Amino acid sequence: MPSAAPTNQLPGVEQSYGFGGTNYGSDRRLKNNISKIGKSPSGLNIYSFEYNDKKFGEGIWQGVMSDEIPAIAVINHEDGFDRVDYSLLDVEFKQI
């Protein structure tokens, strides 16, 4: 069963809502210090990273890159950067 992202807003993290779930900025262009740290049970790459703009969150995070996941989980945000609906994936978005 896929692991869902938390439904409450993480402190200091910009989030948007869509597809009935919580989604987070997962566009590669929003991130730096990107390192692959593993794979999910379904084979998705899991990365650690930091956000370029701290409005998305400070510190080190775990998640996916929107260009590597099934299109159904990618949300094209009005700002031009992709968001990911983690409720559709078996990866947990979290601060590490």
PDB file of N, CA and C in Angstrom:
ATOM      1  N   MET A   1       0.849  -1.180   0.000  1.00  0.00           N
ATOM      2  CA  MET A   1       0.000   0.000   0.000  1.00  0.00           C
ATOM      3  C   MET A   1       0.892   1.240   0.000  1.00  0.00           C
ATOM      4  N   PRO A   2       0.624   2.225  -0.877  1.00  0.00           N
ATOM      5  CA  PRO A   2       1.451   3.422  -0.929  1.00  0.00           C
ATOM      6  C   PRO A   2       1.393   4.203   0.362  1.00  0.00           C
ATOM      7  N   SER A   3       2.525   4.785   0.709  1.00  0.00           N
ATOM      8  CA  SER A   3       2.619   5.652   1.879  1.00  0.00           C
ATOM      9  C   SER A   3       2.192   7.050   1.478  1.00  0.00           C
ATOM     10  N   ALA A   4       1.271   7.638   2.193  1.00  0.00           N
ATOM     11  CA  ALA A   4       0.767   8.966   1.865  1.00  0.00           C
ATOM     12  C   ALA A   4       1.555  10.029   2.599  1.00  0.00           C
ATOM     13  N   ALA A   5       1.666  11.187   1.974  1.00  0.00           N
ATOM     14  CA  ALA A   5       2.290  12.326   2.638  1.00  0.00           C
ATOM     15  C   ALA A   5       1.358  12.804   3.736  1.00  0.00           C
ATOM     16  N   PRO A   6       1.889  13.456   4.738  1.00  0.00           N
ATOM     17  CA  PRO A   6       1.050  13.953   5.807  1.00  0.00           C
ATOM     18  C   PRO A   6      -0.010  14.898   5.270  1.00  0.00           C
ATOM     19  N   THR A   7      -1.172  14.901   5.885  1.00  0.00           N
ATOM     20  CA  THR A   7      -2.243  15.766   5.420  1.00  0.00           C
ATOM     21  C   THR A   7      -2.199  17.130   6.066  1.00  0.00           C
ATOM     22  N   ASN A   8      -1.381  17.325   7.073  1.00  0.00           N
ATOM     23  CA  ASN A   8      -1.237  18.640   7.677  1.00  0.00           C
ATOM     24  C   ASN A   8       0.004  19.311   7.107  1.00  0.00           C
ATOM     25  N   GLN A   9       0.007  20.647   7.121  1.00  0.00           N
ATOM     26  CA  GLN A   9       1.128  21.367   6.539  1.00  0.00           C
ATOM     27  C   GLN A   9       2.354  21.256   7.426  1.00  0.00           C
ATOM     28  N   LEU A  10       3.484  20.933   6.808  1.00  0.00           N
ATOM     29  CA  LEU A  10       4.737  20.905   7.535  1.00  0.00           C
ATOM     30  C   LEU A  10       5.163  22.333   7.816  1.00  0.00           C
ATOM     31  N   PRO A  11       5.721  22.601   8.978  1.00  0.00           N
ATOM     32  CA  PRO A  11       6.118  23.969   9.326  1.00  0.00           C
ATOM     33  C   PRO A  11       7.100  24.543   8.307  1.00  0.00           C
ATOM     34  N   GLY A  12       6.808  25.748   7.844  1.00  0.00           N
ATOM     35  CA  GLY A  12       7.711  26.443   6.947  1.00  0.00           C
ATOM     36  C   GLY A  12       7.749  25.918   5.533  1.00  0.00           C
ATOM     37  N   VAL A  13       6.778  25.089   5.140  1.00  0.00           N
ATOM     38  CA  VAL A  13       6.780  24.512   3.806  1.00  0.00           C
ATOM     39  C   VAL A  13       5.574  25.020   3.041  1.00  0.00           C
ATOM     40  N   GLU A  14       5.841  25.581   1.837  1.00  0.00           N
ATOM     41  CA  GLU A  14       4.738  25.983   0.982  1.00  0.00           C
ATOM     42  C   GLU A  14       4.123  24.722   0.403  1.00  0.00           C
ATOM     43  N   GLN A  15       2.830  24.654   0.412  1.00  0.00           N
ATOM     44  CA  GLN A  15       2.181  23.521  -0.230  1.00  0.00           C
ATOM     45  C   GLN A  15       0.954  24.004  -0.972  1.00  0.00           C
ATOM     46  N   SER A  16       0.519  23.220  -1.917  1.00  0.00           N
ATOM     47  CA  SER A  16      -0.702  23.508  -2.633  1.00  0.00           C
ATOM     48  C   SER A  16      -1.556  22.257  -2.583  1.00  0.00           C
ATOM     49  N   TYR A  17      -2.806  22.409  -2.916  1.00  0.00           N
ATOM     50  CA  TYR A  17      -3.720  21.290  -2.810  1.00  0.00           C
ATOM     51  C   TYR A  17      -4.278  20.943  -4.181  1.00  0.00           C
ATOM     52  N   GLY A  18      -4.441  19.686  -4.437  1.00  0.00           N
ATOM     53  CA  GLY A  18      -4.991  19.230  -5.698  1.00  0.00           C
ATOM     54  C   GLY A  18      -5.193  17.739  -5.650  1.00  0.00           C
ATOM     55  N   PHE A  19      -6.046  17.241  -6.496  1.00  0.00           N
ATOM     56  CA  PHE A  19      -6.344  15.812  -6.582  1.00  0.00           C
ATOM     57  C   PHE A  19      -6.728  15.234  -5.230  1.00  0.00           C
ATOM     58  N   GLY A  20      -7.258  16.062  -4.331  1.00  0.00           N
ATOM     59  CA  GLY A  20      -7.713  15.559  -3.047  1.00  0.00           C
ATOM     60  C   GLY A  20      -6.614  15.250  -2.064  1.00  0.00           C
ATOM     61  N   GLY A  21      -5.368  15.594  -2.374  1.00  0.00           N
ATOM     62  CA  GLY A  21      -4.267  15.283  -1.472  1.00  0.00           C
ATOM     63  C   GLY A  21      -3.346  16.465  -1.311  1.00  0.00           C
ATOM     64  N   THR A  22      -2.382  16.300  -0.465  1.00  0.00           N
ATOM     65  CA  THR A  22      -1.389  17.330  -0.253  1.00  0.00           C
ATOM     66  C   THR A  22      -0.237  17.087  -1.217  1.00  0.00           C
ATOM     67  N   ASN A  23       0.272  18.168  -1.793  1.00  0.00           N
ATOM     68  CA  ASN A  23       1.387  18.009  -2.716  1.00  0.00           C
ATOM     69  C   ASN A  23       2.452  19.052  -2.432  1.00  0.00           C
ATOM     70  N   TYR A  24       3.671  18.722  -2.794  1.00  0.00           N
ATOM     71  CA  TYR A  24       4.831  19.535  -2.454  1.00  0.00           C
ATOM     72  C   TYR A  24       5.671  19.802  -3.687  1.00  0.00           C
ATOM     73  N   GLY A  25       6.409  20.927  -3.664  1.00  0.00           N
ATOM     74  CA  GLY A  25       7.282  21.290  -4.767  1.00  0.00           C
ATOM     75  C   GLY A  25       8.313  20.206  -5.018  1.00  0.00           C
ATOM     76  N   SER A  26       8.227  19.553  -6.150  1.00  0.00           N
ATOM     77  CA  SER A  26       9.137  18.453  -6.450  1.00  0.00           C
ATOM     78  C   SER A  26       9.810  18.610  -7.800  1.00  0.00           C
ATOM     79  N   ASP A  27       9.783  19.810  -8.322  1.00  0.00           N
ATOM     80  CA  ASP A  27      10.461  20.113  -9.569  1.00  0.00           C
ATOM     81  C   ASP A  27      11.965  20.192  -9.297  1.00  0.00           C
ATOM     82  N   ARG A  28      12.738  19.508 -10.101  1.00  0.00           N
ATOM     83  CA  ARG A  28      14.197  19.460  -9.929  1.00  0.00           C
ATOM     84  C   ARG A  28      14.800  20.867  -9.889  1.00  0.00           C
ATOM     85  N   ARG A  29      14.204  21.810 -10.626  1.00  0.00           N
ATOM     86  CA  ARG A  29      14.736  23.179 -10.685  1.00  0.00           C
ATOM     87  C   ARG A  29      14.590  23.930  -9.363  1.00  0.00           C
ATOM     88  N   LEU A  30      13.779  23.430  -8.445  1.00  0.00           N
ATOM     89  CA  LEU A  30      13.586  24.066  -7.135  1.00  0.00           C
ATOM     90  C   LEU A  30      14.611  23.604  -6.104  1.00  0.00           C
ATOM     91  N   LYS A  31      15.461  22.651  -6.479  1.00  0.00           N
ATOM     92  CA  LYS A  31      16.285  21.951  -5.492  1.00  0.00           C
ATOM     93  C   LYS A  31      17.776  22.062  -5.775  1.00  0.00           C
ATOM     94  N   ASN A  32      18.578  21.818  -4.734  1.00  0.00           N
ATOM     95  CA  ASN A  32      20.022  21.720  -4.873  1.00  0.00           C
ATOM     96  C   ASN A  32      20.511  20.635  -3.925  1.00  0.00           C
ATOM     97  N   ASN A  33      21.802  20.327  -4.013  1.00  0.00           N
ATOM     98  CA  ASN A  33      22.391  19.259  -3.186  1.00  0.00           C
ATOM     99  C   ASN A  33      21.579  17.965  -3.286  1.00  0.00           C
ATOM    100  N   ILE A  34      21.220  17.613  -4.498  1.00  0.00           N
ATOM    101  CA  ILE A  34      20.386  16.429  -4.752  1.00  0.00           C
ATOM    102  C   ILE A  34      21.257  15.172  -4.738  1.00  0.00           C
ATOM    103  N   SER A  35      20.852  14.186  -3.923  1.00  0.00           N
ATOM    104  CA  SER A  35      21.558  12.900  -3.851  1.00  0.00           C
ATOM    105  C   SER A  35      20.546  11.764  -3.830  1.00  0.00           C
ATOM    106  N   LYS A  36      20.776  10.773  -4.678  1.00  0.00           N
ATOM    107  CA  LYS A  36      19.914   9.588  -4.651  1.00  0.00           C
ATOM    108  C   LYS A  36      20.234   8.800  -3.396  1.00  0.00           C
ATOM    109  N   ILE A  37      19.201   8.472  -2.609  1.00  0.00           N
ATOM    110  CA  ILE A  37      19.418   7.749  -1.349  1.00  0.00           C
ATOM    111  C   ILE A  37      18.725   6.390  -1.310  1.00  0.00           C
ATOM    112  N   GLY A  38      17.956   6.062  -2.346  1.00  0.00           N
ATOM    113  CA  GLY A  38      17.308   4.759  -2.348  1.00  0.00           C
ATOM    114  C   GLY A  38      16.260   4.639  -3.419  1.00  0.00           C
ATOM    115  N   LYS A  39      15.502   3.539  -3.324  1.00  0.00           N
ATOM    116  CA  LYS A  39      14.394   3.268  -4.242  1.00  0.00           C
ATOM    117  C   LYS A  39      13.193   2.829  -3.427  1.00  0.00           C
ATOM    118  N   SER A  40      12.014   3.194  -3.907  1.00  0.00           N
ATOM    119  CA  SER A  40      10.772   2.759  -3.260  1.00  0.00           C
ATOM    120  C   SER A  40      10.483   1.310  -3.659  1.00  0.00           C
ATOM    121  N   PRO A  41       9.528   0.646  -2.984  1.00  0.00           N
ATOM    122  CA  PRO A  41       9.174  -0.722  -3.371  1.00  0.00           C
ATOM    123  C   PRO A  41       8.754  -0.850  -4.839  1.00  0.00           C
ATOM    124  N   SER A  42       8.168   0.232  -5.413  1.00  0.00           N
ATOM    125  CA  SER A  42       7.753   0.173  -6.816  1.00  0.00           C
ATOM    126  C   SER A  42       8.874   0.574  -7.775  1.00  0.00           C
ATOM    127  N   GLY A  43      10.044   0.949  -7.244  1.00  0.00           N
ATOM    128  CA  GLY A  43      11.183   1.269  -8.081  1.00  0.00           C
ATOM    129  C   GLY A  43      11.430   2.741  -8.328  1.00  0.00           C
ATOM    130  N   LEU A  44      10.674   3.629  -7.684  1.00  0.00           N
ATOM    131  CA  LEU A  44      10.904   5.065  -7.836  1.00  0.00           C
ATOM    132  C   LEU A  44      12.177   5.474  -7.101  1.00  0.00           C
ATOM    133  N   ASN A  45      12.958   6.333  -7.720  1.00  0.00           N
ATOM    134  CA  ASN A  45      14.148   6.859  -7.061  1.00  0.00           C
ATOM    135  C   ASN A  45      13.746   7.788  -5.929  1.00  0.00           C
ATOM    136  N   ILE A  46      14.438   7.677  -4.797  1.00  0.00           N
ATOM    137  CA  ILE A  46      14.215   8.543  -3.641  1.00  0.00           C
ATOM    138  C   ILE A  46      15.481   9.366  -3.448  1.00  0.00           C
ATOM    139  N   TYR A  47      15.299  10.660  -3.242  1.00  0.00           N
ATOM    140  CA  TYR A  47      16.418  11.588  -3.134  1.00  0.00           C
ATOM    141  C   TYR A  47      16.374  12.362  -1.824  1.00  0.00           C
ATOM    142  N   SER A  48      17.546  12.814  -1.412  1.00  0.00           N
ATOM    143  CA  SER A  48      17.639  13.848  -0.382  1.00  0.00           C
ATOM    144  C   SER A  48      17.999  15.129  -1.130  1.00  0.00           C
ATOM    145  N   PHE A  49      17.549  16.265  -0.610  1.00  0.00           N
ATOM    146  CA  PHE A  49      17.798  17.534  -1.283  1.00  0.00           C
ATOM    147  C   PHE A  49      17.493  18.691  -0.339  1.00  0.00           C
ATOM    148  N   GLU A  50      17.899  19.867  -0.774  1.00  0.00           N
ATOM    149  CA  GLU A  50      17.526  21.113  -0.116  1.00  0.00           C
ATOM    150  C   GLU A  50      16.821  21.971  -1.145  1.00  0.00           C
ATOM    151  N   TYR A  51      15.934  22.844  -0.690  1.00  0.00           N
ATOM    152  CA  TYR A  51      15.267  23.769  -1.600  1.00  0.00           C
ATOM    153  C   TYR A  51      16.129  25.000  -1.815  1.00  0.00           C
ATOM    154  N   ASN A  52      16.169  25.501  -3.054  1.00  0.00           N
ATOM    155  CA  ASN A  52      16.871  26.748  -3.364  1.00  0.00           C
ATOM    156  C   ASN A  52      16.243  27.916  -2.618  1.00  0.00           C
ATOM    157  N   ASP A  53      14.913  27.965  -2.621  1.00  0.00           N
ATOM    158  CA  ASP A  53      14.158  29.039  -1.976  1.00  0.00           C
ATOM    159  C   ASP A  53      13.595  28.490  -0.666  1.00  0.00           C
ATOM    160  N   LYS A  54      13.983  29.072   0.431  1.00  0.00           N
ATOM    161  CA  LYS A  54      13.597  28.558   1.748  1.00  0.00           C
ATOM    162  C   LYS A  54      12.101  28.681   2.026  1.00  0.00           C
ATOM    163  N   LYS A  55      11.338  29.361   1.156  1.00  0.00           N
ATOM    164  CA  LYS A  55       9.883  29.392   1.342  1.00  0.00           C
ATOM    165  C   LYS A  55       9.288  27.993   1.181  1.00  0.00           C
ATOM    166  N   PHE A  56      10.006  27.111   0.493  1.00  0.00           N
ATOM    167  CA  PHE A  56       9.552  25.735   0.338  1.00  0.00           C
ATOM    168  C   PHE A  56       9.969  24.857   1.511  1.00  0.00           C
ATOM    169  N   GLY A  57      10.832  25.366   2.367  1.00  0.00           N
ATOM    170  CA  GLY A  57      11.266  24.619   3.537  1.00  0.00           C
ATOM    171  C   GLY A  57      12.767  24.705   3.724  1.00  0.00           C
ATOM    172  N   GLU A  58      13.186  24.727   4.958  1.00  0.00           N
ATOM    173  CA  GLU A  58      14.611  24.768   5.282  1.00  0.00           C
ATOM    174  C   GLU A  58      15.070  23.391   5.725  1.00  0.00           C
ATOM    175  N   GLY A  59      16.340  23.112   5.505  1.00  0.00           N
ATOM    176  CA  GLY A  59      16.887  21.828   5.918  1.00  0.00           C
ATOM    177  C   GLY A  59      16.930  20.838   4.776  1.00  0.00           C
ATOM    178  N   ILE A  60      17.105  19.579   5.129  1.00  0.00           N
ATOM    179  CA  ILE A  60      17.242  18.497   4.156  1.00  0.00           C
ATOM    180  C   ILE A  60      15.935  17.708   4.109  1.00  0.00           C
ATOM    181  N   TRP A  61      15.520  17.396   2.896  1.00  0.00           N
ATOM    182  CA  TRP A  61      14.240  16.726   2.651  1.00  0.00           C
ATOM    183  C   TRP A  61      14.453  15.435   1.878  1.00  0.00           C
ATOM    184  N   GLN A  62      13.464  14.559   1.975  1.00  0.00           N
ATOM    185  CA  GLN A  62      13.430  13.317   1.202  1.00  0.00           C
ATOM    186  C   GLN A  62      12.214  13.363   0.300  1.00  0.00           C
ATOM    187  N   GLY A  63      12.399  12.976  -0.957  1.00  0.00           N
ATOM    188  CA  GLY A  63      11.270  12.931  -1.879  1.00  0.00           C
ATOM    189  C   GLY A  63      11.714  12.461  -3.248  1.00  0.00           C
ATOM    190  N   VAL A  64      10.899  12.773  -4.236  1.00  0.00           N
ATOM    191  CA  VAL A  64      11.145  12.353  -5.615  1.00  0.00           C
ATOM    192  C   VAL A  64      11.398  13.576  -6.492  1.00  0.00           C
ATOM    193  N   MET A  65      11.784  13.310  -7.718  1.00  0.00           N
ATOM    194  CA  MET A  65      11.896  14.345  -8.740  1.00  0.00           C
ATOM    195  C   MET A  65      10.704  14.180  -9.678  1.00  0.00           C
ATOM    196  N   SER A  66      10.012  15.265  -9.923  1.00  0.00           N
ATOM    197  CA  SER A  66       8.766  15.188 -10.684  1.00  0.00           C
ATOM    198  C   SER A  66       8.964  14.669 -12.105  1.00  0.00           C
ATOM    199  N   ASP A  67      10.162  14.820 -12.662  1.00  0.00           N
ATOM    200  CA  ASP A  67      10.400  14.359 -14.027  1.00  0.00           C
ATOM    201  C   ASP A  67      10.650  12.852 -14.121  1.00  0.00           C
ATOM    202  N   GLU A  68      10.660  12.149 -12.988  1.00  0.00           N
ATOM    203  CA  GLU A  68      10.941  10.714 -12.988  1.00  0.00           C
ATOM    204  C   GLU A  68       9.760   9.852 -12.551  1.00  0.00           C
ATOM    205  N   ILE A  69       8.646  10.447 -12.247  1.00  0.00           N
ATOM    206  CA  ILE A  69       7.526   9.682 -11.688  1.00  0.00           C
ATOM    207  C   ILE A  69       6.364   9.609 -12.674  1.00  0.00           C
ATOM    208  N   PRO A  70       5.380   8.738 -12.415  1.00  0.00           N
ATOM    209  CA  PRO A  70       4.221   8.664 -13.302  1.00  0.00           C
ATOM    210  C   PRO A  70       3.511  10.021 -13.413  1.00  0.00           C
ATOM    211  N   ALA A  71       3.153  10.386 -14.636  1.00  0.00           N
ATOM    212  CA  ALA A  71       2.543  11.694 -14.913  1.00  0.00           C
ATOM    213  C   ALA A  71       1.270  11.936 -14.098  1.00  0.00           C
ATOM    214  N   ILE A  72       0.559  10.895 -13.740  1.00  0.00           N
ATOM    215  CA  ILE A  72      -0.686  11.069 -12.993  1.00  0.00           C
ATOM    216  C   ILE A  72      -0.449  11.728 -11.626  1.00  0.00           C
ATOM    217  N   ALA A  73       0.764  11.606 -11.096  1.00  0.00           N
ATOM    218  CA  ALA A  73       1.078  12.184  -9.787  1.00  0.00           C
ATOM    219  C   ALA A  73       1.697  13.575  -9.888  1.00  0.00           C
ATOM    220  N   VAL A  74       1.917  14.070 -11.117  1.00  0.00           N
ATOM    221  CA  VAL A  74       2.536  15.384 -11.312  1.00  0.00           C
ATOM    222  C   VAL A  74       1.451  16.440 -11.521  1.00  0.00           C
ATOM    223  N   ILE A  75       1.587  17.528 -10.800  1.00  0.00           N
ATOM    224  CA  ILE A  75       0.655  18.654 -10.898  1.00  0.00           C
ATOM    225  C   ILE A  75       1.430  19.836 -11.471  1.00  0.00           C
ATOM    226  N   ASN A  76       0.960  20.360 -12.583  1.00  0.00           N
ATOM    227  CA  ASN A  76       1.586  21.523 -13.201  1.00  0.00           C
ATOM    228  C   ASN A  76       1.045  22.772 -12.526  1.00  0.00           C
ATOM    229  N   HIS A  77       1.840  23.360 -11.654  1.00  0.00           N
ATOM    230  CA  HIS A  77       1.422  24.524 -10.864  1.00  0.00           C
ATOM    231  C   HIS A  77       1.473  25.784 -11.717  1.00  0.00           C
ATOM    232  N   GLU A  78       0.664  26.757 -11.359  1.00  0.00           N
ATOM    233  CA  GLU A  78       0.594  28.017 -12.110  1.00  0.00           C
ATOM    234  C   GLU A  78       1.914  28.782 -12.115  1.00  0.00           C
ATOM    235  N   ASP A  79       2.799  28.521 -11.165  1.00  0.00           N
ATOM    236  CA  ASP A  79       4.091  29.210 -11.137  1.00  0.00           C
ATOM    237  C   ASP A  79       5.115  28.598 -12.095  1.00  0.00           C
ATOM    238  N   GLY A  80       4.714  27.517 -12.805  1.00  0.00           N
ATOM    239  CA  GLY A  80       5.599  26.888 -13.773  1.00  0.00           C
ATOM    240  C   GLY A  80       6.449  25.758 -13.217  1.00  0.00           C
ATOM    241  N   PHE A  81       6.369  25.525 -11.906  1.00  0.00           N
ATOM    242  CA  PHE A  81       7.121  24.445 -11.274  1.00  0.00           C
ATOM    243  C   PHE A  81       6.175  23.317 -10.892  1.00  0.00           C
ATOM    244  N   ASP A  82       6.621  22.084 -11.126  1.00  0.00           N
ATOM    245  CA  ASP A  82       5.796  20.913 -10.829  1.00  0.00           C
ATOM    246  C   ASP A  82       5.636  20.698  -9.335  1.00  0.00           C
ATOM    247  N   ARG A  83       4.489  20.149  -8.973  1.00  0.00           N
ATOM    248  CA  ARG A  83       4.217  19.646  -7.636  1.00  0.00           C
ATOM    249  C   ARG A  83       3.919  18.159  -7.794  1.00  0.00           C
ATOM    250  N   VAL A  84       4.026  17.417  -6.708  1.00  0.00           N
ATOM    251  CA  VAL A  84       3.763  15.977  -6.733  1.00  0.00           C
ATOM    252  C   VAL A  84       2.705  15.644  -5.703  1.00  0.00           C
ATOM    253  N   ASP A  85       1.730  14.858  -6.121  1.00  0.00           N
ATOM    254  CA  ASP A  85       0.722  14.344  -5.195  1.00  0.00           C
ATOM    255  C   ASP A  85       1.269  13.046  -4.615  1.00  0.00           C
ATOM    256  N   TYR A  86       1.877  13.158  -3.438  1.00  0.00           N
ATOM    257  CA  TYR A  86       2.531  11.999  -2.807  1.00  0.00           C
ATOM    258  C   TYR A  86       1.534  10.926  -2.374  1.00  0.00           C
ATOM    259  N   SER A  87       0.251  11.257  -2.298  1.00  0.00           N
ATOM    260  CA  SER A  87      -0.728  10.236  -1.924  1.00  0.00           C
ATOM    261  C   SER A  87      -0.863   9.170  -3.009  1.00  0.00           C
ATOM    262  N   LEU A  88      -0.335   9.441  -4.202  1.00  0.00           N
ATOM    263  CA  LEU A  88      -0.378   8.479  -5.296  1.00  0.00           C
ATOM    264  C   LEU A  88       0.906   7.674  -5.434  1.00  0.00           C
ATOM    265  N   LEU A  89       1.874   7.940  -4.566  1.00  0.00           N
ATOM    266  CA  LEU A  89       3.182   7.279  -4.664  1.00  0.00           C
ATOM    267  C   LEU A  89       3.484   6.478  -3.405  1.00  0.00           C
ATOM    268  N   ASP A  90       4.437   5.573  -3.531  1.00  0.00           N
ATOM    269  CA  ASP A  90       4.897   4.798  -2.372  1.00  0.00           C
ATOM    270  C   ASP A  90       6.199   5.379  -1.820  1.00  0.00           C
ATOM    271  N   VAL A  91       6.281   6.708  -1.814  1.00  0.00           N
ATOM    272  CA  VAL A  91       7.418   7.441  -1.271  1.00  0.00           C
ATOM    273  C   VAL A  91       6.861   8.454  -0.279  1.00  0.00           C
ATOM    274  N   GLU A  92       7.523   8.559   0.846  1.00  0.00           N
ATOM    275  CA  GLU A  92       7.117   9.544   1.844  1.00  0.00           C
ATOM    276  C   GLU A  92       7.946  10.814   1.681  1.00  0.00           C
ATOM    277  N   PHE A  93       7.268  11.936   1.530  1.00  0.00           N
ATOM    278  CA  PHE A  93       7.942  13.230   1.523  1.00  0.00           C
ATOM    279  C   PHE A  93       8.119  13.640   2.964  1.00  0.00           C
ATOM    280  N   LYS A  94       9.364  13.911   3.370  1.00  0.00           N
ATOM    281  CA  LYS A  94       9.593  14.280   4.766  1.00  0.00           C
ATOM    282  C   LYS A  94      10.915  14.996   4.928  1.00  0.00           C
ATOM    283  N   GLN A  95      11.028  15.716   6.017  1.00  0.00           N
ATOM    284  CA  GLN A  95      12.291  16.334   6.377  1.00  0.00           C
ATOM    285  C   GLN A  95      13.142  15.294   7.075  1.00  0.00           C
ATOM    286  N   ILE A  96      14.431  15.240   6.712  1.00  0.00           N
ATOM    287  CA  ILE A  96      15.319  14.232   7.306  1.00  0.00           C
ATOM    288  C   ILE A  96      16.513  14.900   7.970  1.00  0.00           C
TER     289      ILE A  96
END
